[in-house]
C-alpha atoms as a PDB file:
ATOM      1  CA  MET A   1     -29.612 -42.659  51.956  1.00  0.00           C
ATOM      2  CA  LYS A   2     -27.807 -45.996  52.054  1.00  0.00           C
ATOM      3  CA  LEU A   3     -25.207 -44.633  49.617  1.00  0.00           C
ATOM      4  CA  VAL A   4     -24.644 -41.559  51.796  1.00  0.00           C
ATOM      5  CA  ARG A   5     -24.082 -43.771  54.867  1.00  0.00           C
ATOM      6  CA  ARG A   6     -21.559 -45.907  53.008  1.00  0.00           C
ATOM      7  CA  LEU A   7     -19.701 -42.879  51.647  1.00  0.00           C
ATOM      8  CA  HIS A   8     -19.661 -41.418  55.160  1.00  0.00           C
ATOM      9  CA  MET A   9     -18.175 -44.649  56.494  1.00  0.00           C
ATOM     10  CA  TYR A  10     -15.548 -44.948  53.750  1.00  0.00           C
ATOM     11  CA  VAL A  11     -14.436 -41.328  53.969  1.00  0.00           C
ATOM     12  CA  GLY A  12     -14.486 -41.440  57.778  1.00  0.00           C
ATOM     13  CA  VAL A  13     -12.332 -44.565  57.941  1.00  0.00           C
ATOM     14  CA  PHE A  14      -9.872 -43.172  55.383  1.00  0.00           C
ATOM     15  CA  PHE A  15      -9.432 -39.883  57.257  1.00  0.00           C
ATOM     16  CA  ALA A  16      -9.620 -41.385  60.777  1.00  0.00           C
ATOM     17  CA  PRO A  17      -5.824 -41.643  61.255  1.00  0.00           C
ATOM     18  CA  SER A  18      -5.353 -37.989  60.259  1.00  0.00           C
ATOM     19  CA  ILE A  19      -8.219 -36.864  62.483  1.00  0.00           C
ATOM     20  CA  VAL A  20      -6.718 -38.678  65.463  1.00  0.00           C
ATOM     21  CA  PHE A  21      -3.254 -37.304  64.641  1.00  0.00           C
ATOM     22  CA  PHE A  22      -4.404 -33.687  64.402  1.00  0.00           C
ATOM     23  CA  ALA A  23      -6.572 -33.931  67.507  1.00  0.00           C
ATOM     24  CA  LEU A  24      -3.645 -35.407  69.460  1.00  0.00           C
ATOM     25  CA  SER A  25      -1.032 -32.977  68.121  1.00  0.00           C
ATOM     26  CA  GLY A  26      -3.434 -30.081  68.716  1.00  0.00           C
ATOM     27  CA  LEU A  27      -3.847 -31.230  72.313  1.00  0.00           C
ATOM     28  CA  ILE A  28      -0.065 -31.352  72.661  1.00  0.00           C
ATOM     29  CA  GLN A  29       0.210 -27.791  71.342  1.00  0.00           C
ATOM     30  CA  LEU A  30      -2.652 -26.601  73.501  1.00  0.00           C
ATOM     31  CA  SER A  31      -0.872 -28.024  76.536  1.00  0.00           C
ATOM     32  CA  GLU A  32       2.434 -26.535  75.292  1.00  0.00           C
ATOM     33  CA  TRP A  33       4.235 -29.850  75.845  1.00  0.00           C
ATOM     34  CA  HIS A  34       6.192 -29.288  72.616  1.00  0.00           C
ATOM     35  CA  GLU A  35       7.825 -26.058  73.815  1.00  0.00           C
ATOM     36  CA  ALA A  36      10.816 -25.645  76.080  1.00  0.00           C
ATOM     37  CA  GLU A  37      10.185 -23.963  79.394  1.00  0.00           C
ATOM     38  CA  ASP A  38      12.197 -20.831  80.153  1.00  0.00           C
ATOM     39  CA  GLY A  39      15.450 -22.174  81.553  1.00  0.00           C
ATOM     40  CA  GLY A  40      13.887 -25.617  81.904  1.00  0.00           C
ATOM     41  CA  ALA A  41      14.218 -28.970  80.251  1.00  0.00           C
ATOM     42  CA  GLN A  42      13.801 -29.411  76.531  1.00  0.00           C
ATOM     43  CA  PRO A  43      10.713 -31.337  75.394  1.00  0.00           C
ATOM     44  CA  ALA A  44      11.053 -34.774  73.857  1.00  0.00           C
ATOM     45  CA  ALA A  45      12.043 -34.615  70.191  1.00  0.00           C
ATOM     46  CA  TRP A  46       8.931 -36.507  69.069  1.00  0.00           C
ATOM     47  CA  LEU A  47       6.705 -33.873  70.720  1.00  0.00           C
ATOM     48  CA  VAL A  48       8.513 -31.125  68.831  1.00  0.00           C
ATOM     49  CA  LYS A  49       8.178 -33.052  65.544  1.00  0.00           C
ATOM     50  CA  LEU A  50       4.439 -33.574  66.109  1.00  0.00           C
ATOM     51  CA  GLY A  51       4.085 -29.827  66.656  1.00  0.00           C
ATOM     52  CA  GLU A  52       5.977 -29.099  63.434  1.00  0.00           C
ATOM     53  CA  VAL A  53       3.801 -31.438  61.378  1.00  0.00           C
ATOM     54  CA  HIS A  54       0.625 -29.973  62.911  1.00  0.00           C
ATOM     55  CA  ARG A  55       1.688 -26.369  62.417  1.00  0.00           C
ATOM     56  CA  ILE A  56       3.795 -26.306  59.235  1.00  0.00           C
ATOM     57  CA  GLN A  57       3.238 -29.767  57.654  1.00  0.00           C
ATOM     58  CA  SER A  58       6.961 -30.569  57.730  1.00  0.00           C
ATOM     59  CA  ILE A  59       9.370 -32.559  59.853  1.00  0.00           C
ATOM     60  CA  ASP A  60      12.443 -30.771  58.503  1.00  0.00           C
ATOM     61  CA  ASP A  61      14.421 -28.769  60.992  1.00  0.00           C
ATOM     62  CA  LEU A  62      13.329 -25.164  60.894  1.00  0.00           C
ATOM     63  CA  PRO A  63      16.002 -22.733  59.743  1.00  0.00           C
ATOM     64  CA  GLN A  64      17.477 -20.708  62.562  1.00  0.00           C
ATOM     65  CA  ARG A  65      17.298 -16.966  62.158  1.00  0.00           C
ATOM     66  CA  GLY A  66      20.729 -15.459  62.105  1.00  0.00           C
ATOM     67  CA  PRO A  67      21.991 -11.949  61.596  1.00  0.00           C
ATOM     68  CA  ARG A  68      20.827 -10.154  58.489  1.00  0.00           C
ATOM     69  CA  PRO A  69      23.236 -10.400  55.550  1.00  0.00           C
ATOM     70  CA  PRO A  70      24.954  -7.137  54.648  1.00  0.00           C
ATOM     71  CA  ALA A  71      23.116  -4.900  52.211  1.00  0.00           C
ATOM     72  CA  ALA A  72      24.782  -3.878  48.940  1.00  0.00           C
ATOM     73  CA  GLY A  73      27.581  -1.415  49.705  1.00  0.00           C
ATOM     74  CA  ASP A  74      27.194  -1.914  53.470  1.00  0.00           C
ATOM     75  CA  ASP A  75      29.694  -4.301  54.961  1.00  0.00           C
ATOM     76  CA  LEU A  76      28.234  -3.988  58.478  1.00  0.00           C
ATOM     77  CA  GLY A  77      24.784  -5.366  57.683  1.00  0.00           C
ATOM     78  CA  VAL A  78      23.072  -2.662  59.734  1.00  0.00           C
ATOM     79  CA  ASP A  79      19.481  -1.895  58.810  1.00  0.00           C
ATOM     80  CA  ARG A  80      19.594   1.900  59.127  1.00  0.00           C
ATOM     81  CA  ALA A  81      15.877   2.335  58.424  1.00  0.00           C
ATOM     82  CA  ALA A  82      14.979  -0.017  61.271  1.00  0.00           C
ATOM     83  CA  ALA A  83      17.487   1.656  63.584  1.00  0.00           C
ATOM     84  CA  ALA A  84      16.008   5.101  62.835  1.00  0.00           C
ATOM     85  CA  ARG A  85      12.423   4.057  63.653  1.00  0.00           C
ATOM     86  CA  PRO A  86      11.272   4.677  67.184  1.00  0.00           C
ATOM     87  CA  PRO A  87      10.353   1.549  69.117  1.00  0.00           C
ATOM     88  CA  GLY A  88       6.694   0.613  68.880  1.00  0.00           C
ATOM     89  CA  PRO A  89       4.345   0.302  71.826  1.00  0.00           C
ATOM     90  CA  PRO A  90       4.894  -2.730  74.047  1.00  0.00           C
ATOM     91  CA  ARG A  91       2.845  -5.771  73.190  1.00  0.00           C
ATOM     92  CA  PRO A  92      -0.094  -6.305  75.491  1.00  0.00           C
ATOM     93  CA  ALA A  93      -0.113  -9.450  77.613  1.00  0.00           C
ATOM     94  CA  ILE A  94      -2.134 -12.269  76.104  1.00  0.00           C
ATOM     95  CA  HIS A  95      -5.103 -13.298  78.194  1.00  0.00           C
ATOM     96  CA  ARG A  96      -5.537 -17.049  78.044  1.00  0.00           C
ATOM     97  CA  SER A  97      -8.799 -18.455  79.292  1.00  0.00           C
ATOM     98  CA  ALA A  98      -8.235 -21.601  81.342  1.00  0.00           C
ATOM     99  CA  ALA A  99     -11.887 -22.523  80.828  1.00  0.00           C
ATOM    100  CA  LEU A 100     -11.597 -22.252  77.022  1.00  0.00           C
ATOM    101  CA  LYS A 101      -8.314 -24.167  77.061  1.00  0.00           C
ATOM    102  CA  SER A 102      -9.999 -26.926  79.098  1.00  0.00           C
ATOM    103  CA  PHE A 103     -12.943 -26.964  76.705  1.00  0.00           C
ATOM    104  CA  PHE A 104     -10.649 -27.388  73.686  1.00  0.00           C
ATOM    105  CA  ALA A 105      -8.687 -30.128  75.478  1.00  0.00           C
ATOM    106  CA  LEU A 106     -11.954 -31.955  76.173  1.00  0.00           C
ATOM    107  CA  MET A 107     -12.961 -31.445  72.548  1.00  0.00           C
ATOM    108  CA  SER A 108      -9.669 -32.983  71.329  1.00  0.00           C
ATOM    109  CA  ILE A 109     -10.075 -35.999  73.582  1.00  0.00           C
ATOM    110  CA  SER A 110     -13.715 -36.408  72.518  1.00  0.00           C
ATOM    111  CA  LEU A 111     -12.769 -36.166  68.842  1.00  0.00           C
ATOM    112  CA  ILE A 112     -10.162 -38.897  69.281  1.00  0.00           C
ATOM    113  CA  LEU A 113     -12.575 -41.163  71.153  1.00  0.00           C
ATOM    114  CA  SER A 114     -15.465 -40.632  68.739  1.00  0.00           C
ATOM    115  CA  THR A 115     -13.187 -41.260  65.747  1.00  0.00           C
ATOM    116  CA  LEU A 116     -11.934 -44.498  67.286  1.00  0.00           C
ATOM    117  CA  ALA A 117     -15.534 -45.504  68.027  1.00  0.00           C
ATOM    118  CA  GLY A 118     -16.450 -44.807  64.394  1.00  0.00           C
ATOM    119  CA  VAL A 119     -13.626 -47.040  63.178  1.00  0.00           C
ATOM    120  CA  MET A 120     -14.764 -49.787  65.556  1.00  0.00           C
ATOM    121  CA  ILE A 121     -18.313 -49.464  64.217  1.00  0.00           C
ATOM    122  CA  ALA A 122     -17.025 -49.632  60.637  1.00  0.00           C
ATOM    123  CA  PHE A 123     -15.249 -52.899  61.415  1.00  0.00           C
ATOM    124  CA  GLN A 124     -18.616 -54.390  62.406  1.00  0.00           C
ATOM    125  CA  MET A 125     -19.427 -54.534  58.684  1.00  0.00           C
ATOM    126  CA  ARG A 126     -18.213 -58.126  58.326  1.00  0.00           C
ATOM    127  CA  LYS A 127     -18.693 -58.257  54.549  1.00  0.00           C
ATOM    128  CA  GLN A 128     -16.377 -55.289  54.016  1.00  0.00           C
ATOM    129  CA  LEU A 129     -13.501 -56.019  56.413  1.00  0.00           C
ATOM    130  CA  VAL A 130     -10.897 -56.030  53.639  1.00  0.00           C
ATOM    131  CA  LEU A 131     -12.153 -52.717  52.210  1.00  0.00           C
ATOM    132  CA  ILE A 132     -12.356 -51.084  55.649  1.00  0.00           C
ATOM    133  CA  GLY A 133      -8.884 -52.361  56.575  1.00  0.00           C
ATOM    134  CA  GLY A 134      -7.493 -51.163  53.255  1.00  0.00           C
ATOM    135  CA  LEU A 135      -9.010 -47.707  53.672  1.00  0.00           C
ATOM    136  CA  LEU A 136      -7.599 -47.451  57.204  1.00  0.00           C
ATOM    137  CA  ALA A 137      -4.151 -48.556  56.003  1.00  0.00           C
ATOM    138  CA  ALA A 138      -4.289 -46.132  53.056  1.00  0.00           C
ATOM    139  CA  GLY A 139      -5.453 -43.312  55.333  1.00  0.00           C
ATOM    140  CA  THR A 140      -2.405 -43.977  57.488  1.00  0.00           C
ATOM    141  CA  ALA A 141       0.109 -44.421  54.647  1.00  0.00           C
ATOM    142  CA  VAL A 142      -0.900 -41.569  52.318  1.00  0.00           C
ATOM    143  CA  PRO A 143      -0.145 -38.677  54.727  1.00  0.00           C
ATOM    144  CA  ILE A 144       3.131 -40.319  55.800  1.00  0.00           C
ATOM    145  CA  VAL A 145       4.222 -40.637  52.169  1.00  0.00           C
ATOM    146  CA  LEU A 146       3.145 -37.060  51.408  1.00  0.00           C
ATOM    147  CA  LEU A 147       5.114 -35.811  54.418  1.00  0.00           C
ATOM    148  CA  PHE A 148       8.323 -37.066  52.817  1.00  0.00           C
ATOM    149  CA  VAL A 149       7.550 -36.017  49.226  1.00  0.00           C
END
């Protein structure tokens, strides 16, 4: 059982930075702070980047969708099959539960706090400070390096 506790501590410390990141970026997405309001101000660039990393694991600018390129033999680029289809039924409005949204926000905050508490507890192991610090540093550096690879 002692081995299981140590493995739990090592793995937890290594993944702690990613857990905090995803809980925080998930909270940002849940609160929709990374999206522009209709006709309103644009969100801060760092909020948008956090949303991109959370959702698509990239910080590259997303390609903008432009007009469809012309099909072979069609210099207008008109999709005749799509134009001939009748429009589909309107999309139903999405019901968003404020209570569920609040619950998930509380869960994100609790996950961040409990992860930070776990790291603090790990640092109480005085004999393993270098190992714990190294795992925390590696758990921070590895995803950053992989983001740019």
